[in-house]
């Protein structure tokens, strides 16, 4: 391959990718990356087996990154009972690699990129496909309904936090309303659109969906979010895991931003809050010398955030009919600070800064990894 000519290189890789991926018939290939998902995987598989996708056929591709908690055994049992269920190996363990392995193995004209932490009503895939065709979009998903992973207070607070517009923003996949969108959760895609885009960016361990959606839109494709169906997403099981999730998501947002794409300004609001509070803390010694009024001004951002968090808590308490939601103000503040700190780390950390054609090259290099079903 001529690496001195990026345009020729990208076209060559696209042609090889198109040749490597099965052309696909009237079917939808469901691709689900999994890694240690024994808590949720059976519920997810059952909801997918219950899908009514007629007149299209379904195949279920579970791409495992080396699970050690019984996930593989659960999927294996279903694979022996249902020919449409297949278990694929992901030796590199990350989500974008799993998605590319599934994309190469997919037999359908369409692919559904779904998660193992979610449940899907019987009409989910068919409705997304119908809406995709109706709105002439490259991808379509249902709305996202966030649920608690268990009955513990921490699990409910985690679900209420990320499910509220103040914590996740009105443009988040968890709160966005019906219509054309920048990014969509758990979508059905035209497979050819993903092939033409060169597959998922394997440099990114996270945010591969945002980055892919941005590339699709840059190529003139549209993405649609329908209110006709919704997926049930199970949030983190407690506050500690919620904050760890916020930090890691923020970190990969920072890394994605350094590579030049896939994010909007609202992704950086937690970073602005984090930096503002750092500056306020740094100015405390000076403010003390200027009087208490100046000191109070420095704490204004935290006070304002807690006030808005209180409004979010009251709103959630009314909707959920639970007084426990009134504990949300400090939870949302901690969530945003963890997210902002992670974004700062991601922006300042090390990550190869590569052009958008790089995912195609990475995808081509991974062809040596065969996407064969595992017994």
Protein backbone atom coordinates (compact mmCIF):
# COMPACT_ATOMS: atom_id res chain seq x y z
CA UNK A 1 0.00 0.00 0.00
CA UNK A 2 1.27 3.46 -0.88
CA UNK A 3 1.51 5.25 2.48
CA UNK A 4 2.81 8.42 0.85
CA UNK A 5 -0.62 9.07 -0.65
CA UNK A 6 -3.24 9.31 2.17
CA UNK A 7 -6.17 9.64 -0.24
CA UNK A 8 -5.15 6.56 -2.21
CA UNK A 9 -4.39 4.73 1.04
CA UNK A 10 -7.88 5.42 2.47
CA UNK A 11 -9.60 4.36 -0.75
CA UNK A 12 -7.58 1.14 -0.89
CA UNK A 13 -8.47 0.29 2.71
CA UNK A 14 -12.15 1.05 2.09
CA UNK A 15 -12.16 -1.29 -0.91
CA UNK A 16 -10.47 -4.07 1.11
CA UNK A 17 -12.93 -3.54 3.96
CA UNK A 18 -15.91 -3.73 1.61
CA UNK A 19 -14.52 -6.94 0.13
CA UNK A 20 -13.83 -8.43 3.55
CA UNK A 21 -17.31 -7.78 4.97
CA UNK A 22 -20.10 -10.04 3.75
CA UNK A 23 -22.43 -8.14 1.41
CA UNK A 24 -25.45 -9.01 3.53
CA UNK A 25 -29.03 -9.88 2.67
CA UNK A 26 -32.40 -8.99 4.17
CA UNK A 27 -31.20 -9.39 7.72
CA UNK A 28 -30.14 -7.33 10.72
CA UNK A 29 -26.96 -8.39 12.48
CA UNK A 30 -27.04 -7.46 16.17
CA UNK A 31 -23.55 -6.74 17.53
CA UNK A 32 -23.14 -6.76 21.33
CA UNK A 33 -19.66 -6.25 22.86
CA UNK A 34 -19.41 -8.04 26.21
CA UNK A 35 -16.86 -8.25 29.03
CA UNK A 36 -17.84 -9.68 32.42
CA UNK A 37 -21.56 -9.03 31.98
CA UNK A 38 -22.97 -12.04 33.86
CA UNK A 39 -25.28 -9.80 35.92
CA UNK A 40 -27.17 -8.49 32.89
CA UNK A 41 -26.38 -10.72 29.91
CA UNK A 42 -29.18 -13.27 30.34
CA UNK A 43 -31.81 -10.52 30.53
CA UNK A 44 -30.31 -8.88 27.45
CA UNK A 45 -30.23 -12.12 25.43
CA UNK A 46 -33.82 -12.95 26.34
CA UNK A 47 -34.98 -9.52 25.22
CA UNK A 48 -33.16 -9.94 21.90
CA UNK A 49 -34.51 -13.44 21.28
CA UNK A 50 -38.00 -12.02 21.83
CA UNK A 51 -37.56 -9.44 19.05
CA UNK A 52 -40.20 -9.41 16.31
CA UNK A 53 -38.21 -8.13 13.33
CA UNK A 54 -40.27 -9.66 10.49
CA UNK A 55 -39.84 -9.50 7.54
CA UNK A 56 -36.12 -9.23 8.35
CA UNK A 57 -34.08 -12.03 9.87
CA UNK A 58 -31.91 -11.50 12.95
CA UNK A 59 -28.51 -12.84 13.92
CA UNK A 60 -27.08 -12.12 17.36
CA UNK A 61 -23.31 -11.63 17.54
CA UNK A 62 -21.87 -11.43 21.05
CA UNK A 63 -18.22 -10.36 20.92
CA UNK A 64 -16.47 -11.31 24.16
CA UNK A 65 -13.32 -9.62 25.41
CA UNK A 66 -12.21 -12.47 27.68
CA UNK A 67 -14.92 -12.58 30.35
CA UNK A 68 -14.10 -14.55 33.51
CA UNK A 69 -17.38 -14.26 35.38
CA UNK A 70 -19.44 -16.83 33.50
CA UNK A 71 -20.60 -14.51 30.71
CA UNK A 72 -19.13 -16.73 28.00
CA UNK A 73 -20.76 -19.84 29.45
CA UNK A 74 -24.17 -18.14 29.54
CA UNK A 75 -23.87 -17.02 25.91
CA UNK A 76 -22.56 -20.48 24.95
CA UNK A 77 -25.65 -22.16 26.38
CA UNK A 78 -27.91 -19.92 24.33
CA UNK A 79 -25.75 -20.45 21.22
CA UNK A 80 -26.22 -24.23 21.49
CA UNK A 81 -29.98 -23.80 21.72
CA UNK A 82 -30.44 -20.99 19.18
CA UNK A 83 -28.59 -21.06 15.81
CA UNK A 84 -28.96 -17.27 15.50
CA UNK A 85 -26.79 -16.70 18.59
CA UNK A 86 -23.03 -16.64 17.97
CA UNK A 87 -20.10 -16.04 20.31
CA UNK A 88 -17.07 -14.27 18.81
CA UNK A 89 -13.65 -13.70 20.33
CA UNK A 90 -12.17 -10.24 20.96
CA UNK A 91 -8.54 -10.78 22.00
CA UNK A 92 -7.85 -7.04 22.26
CA UNK A 93 -10.75 -6.60 24.69
CA UNK A 94 -11.81 -3.01 23.84
CA UNK A 95 -15.26 -2.01 22.57
CA UNK A 96 -14.32 -0.53 19.16
CA UNK A 97 -12.30 -3.66 18.33
CA UNK A 98 -15.31 -5.78 19.28
CA UNK A 99 -17.58 -3.69 17.05
CA UNK A 100 -15.22 -4.05 14.09
CA UNK A 101 -15.00 -7.82 14.61
CA UNK A 102 -18.77 -7.97 14.67
CA UNK A 103 -19.03 -5.74 11.61
CA UNK A 104 -16.77 -8.05 9.61
CA UNK A 105 -18.76 -11.11 10.69
CA UNK A 106 -22.18 -9.54 10.12
CA UNK A 107 -24.34 -11.21 7.48
CA UNK A 108 -27.05 -8.55 7.34
CA UNK A 109 -27.58 -5.45 5.27
CA UNK A 110 -28.21 -3.66 8.55
CA UNK A 111 -26.40 -3.85 11.90
CA UNK A 112 -27.73 -3.04 15.35
CA UNK A 113 -25.07 -1.79 17.79
CA UNK A 114 -26.48 -2.72 21.19
CA UNK A 115 -25.22 -2.92 24.76
CA UNK A 116 -25.23 -5.69 27.33
CA UNK A 117 -26.35 -3.32 30.10
CA UNK A 118 -29.72 -2.79 28.46
CA UNK A 119 -33.04 -4.49 27.77
CA UNK A 120 -35.08 -4.06 24.61
CA UNK A 121 -38.86 -4.32 24.05
CA UNK A 122 -39.97 -6.80 21.36
CA UNK A 123 -40.54 -4.05 18.80
CA UNK A 124 -37.23 -2.24 19.35
CA UNK A 125 -35.14 -3.40 16.38
CA UNK A 126 -38.04 -3.48 13.90
CA UNK A 127 -39.21 0.01 14.91
CA UNK A 128 -35.69 1.45 14.58
CA UNK A 129 -35.39 -0.15 11.14
CA UNK A 130 -38.77 1.21 10.02
CA UNK A 131 -37.93 4.70 11.27
CA UNK A 132 -34.51 4.54 9.60
CA UNK A 133 -36.20 3.83 6.28
CA UNK A 134 -38.96 6.39 6.81
CA UNK A 135 -36.60 9.24 7.67
CA UNK A 136 -33.90 8.21 5.18
CA UNK A 137 -31.28 8.13 7.90
CA UNK A 138 -28.07 6.12 8.14
CA UNK A 139 -28.88 5.18 11.71
CA UNK A 140 -31.84 5.23 14.09
CA UNK A 141 -32.33 4.35 17.73
CA UNK A 142 -35.09 4.46 20.28
CA UNK A 143 -35.09 6.75 23.28
CA UNK A 144 -33.23 5.67 26.40
CA UNK A 145 -34.99 4.94 29.71
CA UNK A 146 -32.49 4.82 32.57
CA UNK A 147 -33.21 2.33 35.36
CA UNK A 148 -31.52 1.46 38.66
CA UNK A 149 -29.25 -1.59 38.51
CA UNK A 150 -30.61 -2.83 41.86
CA UNK A 151 -32.82 -1.69 44.73
CA UNK A 152 -30.06 -0.04 46.78
CA UNK A 153 -30.25 3.70 47.44
CA UNK A 154 -26.91 4.29 45.69
CA UNK A 155 -28.15 2.54 42.55
CA UNK A 156 -31.29 4.67 42.45
CA UNK A 157 -29.30 7.88 42.97
CA UNK A 158 -26.93 6.86 40.17
CA UNK A 159 -29.84 6.24 37.78
CA UNK A 160 -31.65 9.44 38.73
CA UNK A 161 -28.43 11.42 38.35
CA UNK A 162 -27.48 10.38 34.82
CA UNK A 163 -31.13 10.32 33.75
CA UNK A 164 -31.73 13.99 34.55
CA UNK A 165 -31.19 16.80 32.05
CA UNK A 166 -29.20 18.88 34.54
CA UNK A 167 -26.66 16.12 35.14
CA UNK A 168 -26.41 14.79 31.56
CA UNK A 169 -27.66 17.83 29.53
CA UNK A 170 -30.65 18.04 27.24
CA UNK A 171 -28.60 16.80 24.30
CA UNK A 172 -27.38 13.64 25.98
CA UNK A 173 -28.45 10.28 24.56
CA UNK A 174 -30.20 9.73 27.89
CA UNK A 175 -32.38 12.85 27.70
CA UNK A 176 -32.66 13.78 23.99
CA UNK A 177 -36.17 13.94 22.57
CA UNK A 178 -37.41 12.61 19.24
CA UNK A 179 -35.88 13.96 16.03
CA UNK A 180 -32.61 14.17 14.16
CA UNK A 181 -29.68 14.02 16.57
CA UNK A 182 -25.90 14.35 16.72
CA UNK A 183 -25.50 10.96 18.37
CA UNK A 184 -27.85 8.05 19.09
CA UNK A 185 -27.76 5.20 21.65
CA UNK A 186 -28.18 1.55 20.66
CA UNK A 187 -28.82 2.24 16.96
CA UNK A 188 -29.71 0.24 13.88
CA UNK A 189 -27.36 1.30 11.07
CA UNK A 190 -27.11 0.73 7.35
CA UNK A 191 -24.01 -1.46 7.37
CA UNK A 192 -22.64 0.11 4.20
CA UNK A 193 -22.46 3.51 5.90
CA UNK A 194 -20.16 2.07 8.59
CA UNK A 195 -18.07 0.32 5.93
CA UNK A 196 -17.69 3.55 3.95
CA UNK A 197 -16.64 5.32 7.16
CA UNK A 198 -13.88 2.74 7.66
CA UNK A 199 -15.11 1.05 10.83
CA UNK A 200 -14.78 2.15 14.43
CA UNK A 201 -11.71 3.97 15.72
CA UNK A 202 -9.72 1.38 17.67
CA UNK A 203 -7.43 4.01 19.19
CA UNK A 204 -10.33 5.03 21.44
CA UNK A 205 -11.33 2.70 24.26
CA UNK A 206 -14.39 4.91 24.78
CA UNK A 207 -16.34 7.50 22.79
CA UNK A 208 -16.03 5.39 19.66
CA UNK A 209 -19.77 5.88 19.15
CA UNK A 210 -19.61 9.69 19.31
CA UNK A 211 -16.61 9.73 17.00
CA UNK A 212 -18.29 7.41 14.49
CA UNK A 213 -21.49 9.42 14.55
CA UNK A 214 -19.54 12.61 13.87
CA UNK A 215 -17.83 11.00 10.87
CA UNK A 216 -21.15 9.78 9.51
CA UNK A 217 -22.65 13.25 9.78
CA UNK A 218 -19.55 14.77 8.19
CA UNK A 219 -20.16 12.46 5.21
CA UNK A 220 -23.70 13.80 4.85
CA UNK A 221 -25.59 11.06 6.71
CA UNK A 222 -28.40 11.79 9.14
CA UNK A 223 -29.13 10.12 12.48
CA UNK A 224 -32.62 9.84 13.92
CA UNK A 225 -33.97 9.25 17.43
CA UNK A 226 -37.50 7.86 17.55
CA UNK A 227 -39.97 8.03 20.42
CA UNK A 228 -41.91 5.03 19.07
CA UNK A 229 -39.74 2.67 21.12
CA UNK A 230 -37.18 2.85 23.89
CA UNK A 231 -34.38 0.80 25.41
CA UNK A 232 -34.02 0.25 29.14
CA UNK A 233 -30.48 1.12 30.28
CA UNK A 234 -29.32 -0.10 33.68
CA UNK A 235 -27.13 2.51 35.35
CA UNK A 236 -24.13 1.91 37.60
CA UNK A 237 -24.88 -0.11 40.75
CA UNK A 238 -23.67 2.52 43.23
CA UNK A 239 -22.21 5.98 43.75
CA UNK A 240 -18.58 4.87 43.73
CA UNK A 241 -18.98 3.16 40.36
CA UNK A 242 -20.96 6.17 39.09
CA UNK A 243 -18.11 8.55 39.91
CA UNK A 244 -15.55 6.16 38.41
CA UNK A 245 -17.70 6.04 35.27
CA UNK A 246 -17.89 9.86 35.20
CA UNK A 247 -14.11 10.17 35.54
CA UNK A 248 -13.38 7.63 32.80
CA UNK A 249 -15.97 9.11 30.44
CA UNK A 250 -14.57 12.59 31.03
CA UNK A 251 -11.02 11.35 30.46
CA UNK A 252 -11.91 9.81 27.11
CA UNK A 253 -13.82 12.95 26.16
CA UNK A 254 -10.61 14.87 26.71
CA UNK A 255 -8.63 12.40 24.64
CA UNK A 256 -11.23 12.45 21.89
CA UNK A 257 -11.16 16.25 21.85
CA UNK A 258 -7.37 16.23 21.43
CA UNK A 259 -7.87 14.13 18.32
CA UNK A 260 -10.28 16.67 16.91
CA UNK A 261 -13.81 15.34 16.87
CA UNK A 262 -16.95 13.69 18.16
CA UNK A 263 -17.84 16.17 20.93
CA UNK A 264 -19.96 19.27 21.49
CA UNK A 265 -19.48 22.21 23.86
CA UNK A 266 -21.82 20.74 26.46
CA UNK A 267 -19.34 17.90 26.98
CA UNK A 268 -16.95 20.46 28.49
CA UNK A 269 -19.35 22.14 30.94
CA UNK A 270 -18.12 19.90 33.82
CA UNK A 271 -14.53 20.88 32.97
CA UNK A 272 -15.49 24.57 33.19
CA UNK A 273 -17.03 23.93 36.61
CA UNK A 274 -13.98 21.98 37.78
CA UNK A 275 -11.57 24.72 36.66
CA UNK A 276 -13.73 27.47 38.18
CA UNK A 277 -13.73 25.73 41.55
CA UNK A 278 -9.96 25.17 41.37
CA UNK A 279 -9.45 28.88 40.72
CA UNK A 280 -11.80 29.73 43.58
CA UNK A 281 -9.83 27.51 45.97
CA UNK A 282 -6.57 29.07 44.83
CA UNK A 283 -7.95 32.56 45.54
CA UNK A 284 -9.23 31.74 49.04
CA UNK A 285 -6.12 33.13 50.84
CA UNK A 286 -6.44 36.42 48.94
CA UNK A 287 -10.19 36.61 49.52
CA UNK A 288 -9.73 36.16 53.25
CA UNK A 289 -7.64 39.32 53.34
CA UNK A 290 -10.32 41.20 51.36
CA UNK A 291 -13.20 40.29 53.65
CA UNK A 292 -15.98 37.74 53.90
CA UNK A 293 -17.94 39.20 50.98
CA UNK A 294 -15.13 38.40 48.55
CA UNK A 295 -14.86 34.92 50.08
CA UNK A 296 -18.57 34.33 49.54
CA UNK A 297 -18.25 35.35 45.88
CA UNK A 298 -15.65 32.63 45.35
CA UNK A 299 -18.09 29.99 46.59
CA UNK A 300 -20.87 31.29 44.36
CA UNK A 301 -20.32 28.62 41.62
CA UNK A 302 -20.77 25.77 44.14
CA UNK A 303 -23.80 27.45 45.71
CA UNK A 304 -25.38 28.02 42.28
CA UNK A 305 -24.73 24.42 41.27
CA UNK A 306 -26.26 23.08 44.48
CA UNK A 307 -29.31 25.29 43.97
CA UNK A 308 -29.85 23.91 40.45
CA UNK A 309 -29.20 20.44 41.82
CA UNK A 310 -31.90 21.04 44.41
CA UNK A 311 -34.36 21.91 41.64
CA UNK A 312 -33.35 18.70 39.84
CA UNK A 313 -33.79 16.75 43.08
CA UNK A 314 -37.27 18.14 43.69
CA UNK A 315 -38.24 17.45 40.08
CA UNK A 316 -37.01 13.88 40.36
CA UNK A 317 -38.63 13.36 43.76
CA UNK A 318 -42.00 14.38 42.32
CA UNK A 319 -41.66 12.21 39.20
CA UNK A 320 -40.30 9.19 41.05
CA UNK A 321 -42.46 9.72 44.15
CA UNK A 322 -39.43 9.25 46.36
CA UNK A 323 -38.02 11.68 48.92
CA UNK A 324 -34.62 10.00 48.50
CA UNK A 325 -34.17 11.99 45.28
CA UNK A 326 -33.68 15.09 47.45
CA UNK A 327 -30.15 13.74 48.06
CA UNK A 328 -29.28 14.41 44.41
CA UNK A 329 -27.65 17.91 44.72
CA UNK A 330 -24.29 16.72 46.16
CA UNK A 331 -24.40 13.59 43.95
CA UNK A 332 -24.74 15.64 40.76
CA UNK A 333 -22.02 18.03 41.95
CA UNK A 334 -19.65 15.12 42.61
CA UNK A 335 -20.61 13.60 39.25
CA UNK A 336 -19.75 16.81 37.39
CA UNK A 337 -16.49 17.32 39.28
CA UNK A 338 -15.35 13.74 38.60
CA UNK A 339 -16.29 14.19 34.94
CA UNK A 340 -14.48 17.55 34.75
CA UNK A 341 -11.36 16.18 36.46
CA UNK A 342 -11.33 13.25 34.02
CA UNK A 343 -11.64 15.64 31.07
CA UNK A 344 -8.67 17.64 32.34
CA UNK A 345 -6.60 14.46 32.69
CA UNK A 346 -7.60 13.39 29.18
CA UNK A 347 -6.68 16.73 27.65
CA UNK A 348 -3.29 16.76 29.36
CA UNK A 349 -2.47 13.06 29.07
CA UNK A 350 -0.80 11.10 26.32
CA UNK A 351 -2.63 9.67 23.33
CA UNK A 352 -1.48 9.29 19.70
CA UNK A 353 -2.94 12.20 17.73
CA UNK A 354 -3.90 10.70 14.38
CA UNK A 355 -5.94 11.84 11.40
CA UNK A 356 -9.47 10.59 10.75
CA UNK A 357 -8.15 8.22 8.10
CA UNK A 358 -6.30 6.37 10.84
CA UNK A 359 -9.31 4.26 11.94
CA UNK A 360 -9.37 2.70 8.46
CA UNK A 361 -5.71 1.81 8.77
CA UNK A 362 -6.25 0.38 12.24
CA UNK A 363 -9.20 -1.58 10.91
CA UNK A 364 -7.09 -2.98 8.08
CA UNK A 365 -4.36 -4.04 10.48
CA UNK A 366 -6.90 -6.02 12.51
CA UNK A 367 -7.89 -8.25 9.58
CA UNK A 368 -5.52 -10.90 10.84
CA UNK A 369 -7.90 -11.38 13.77
CA UNK A 370 -10.51 -13.79 12.44
CA UNK A 371 -14.11 -13.32 13.47
CA UNK A 372 -15.07 -16.95 13.97
CA UNK A 373 -17.75 -18.24 16.31
CA UNK A 374 -16.37 -19.87 19.42
CA UNK A 375 -17.73 -23.16 20.74
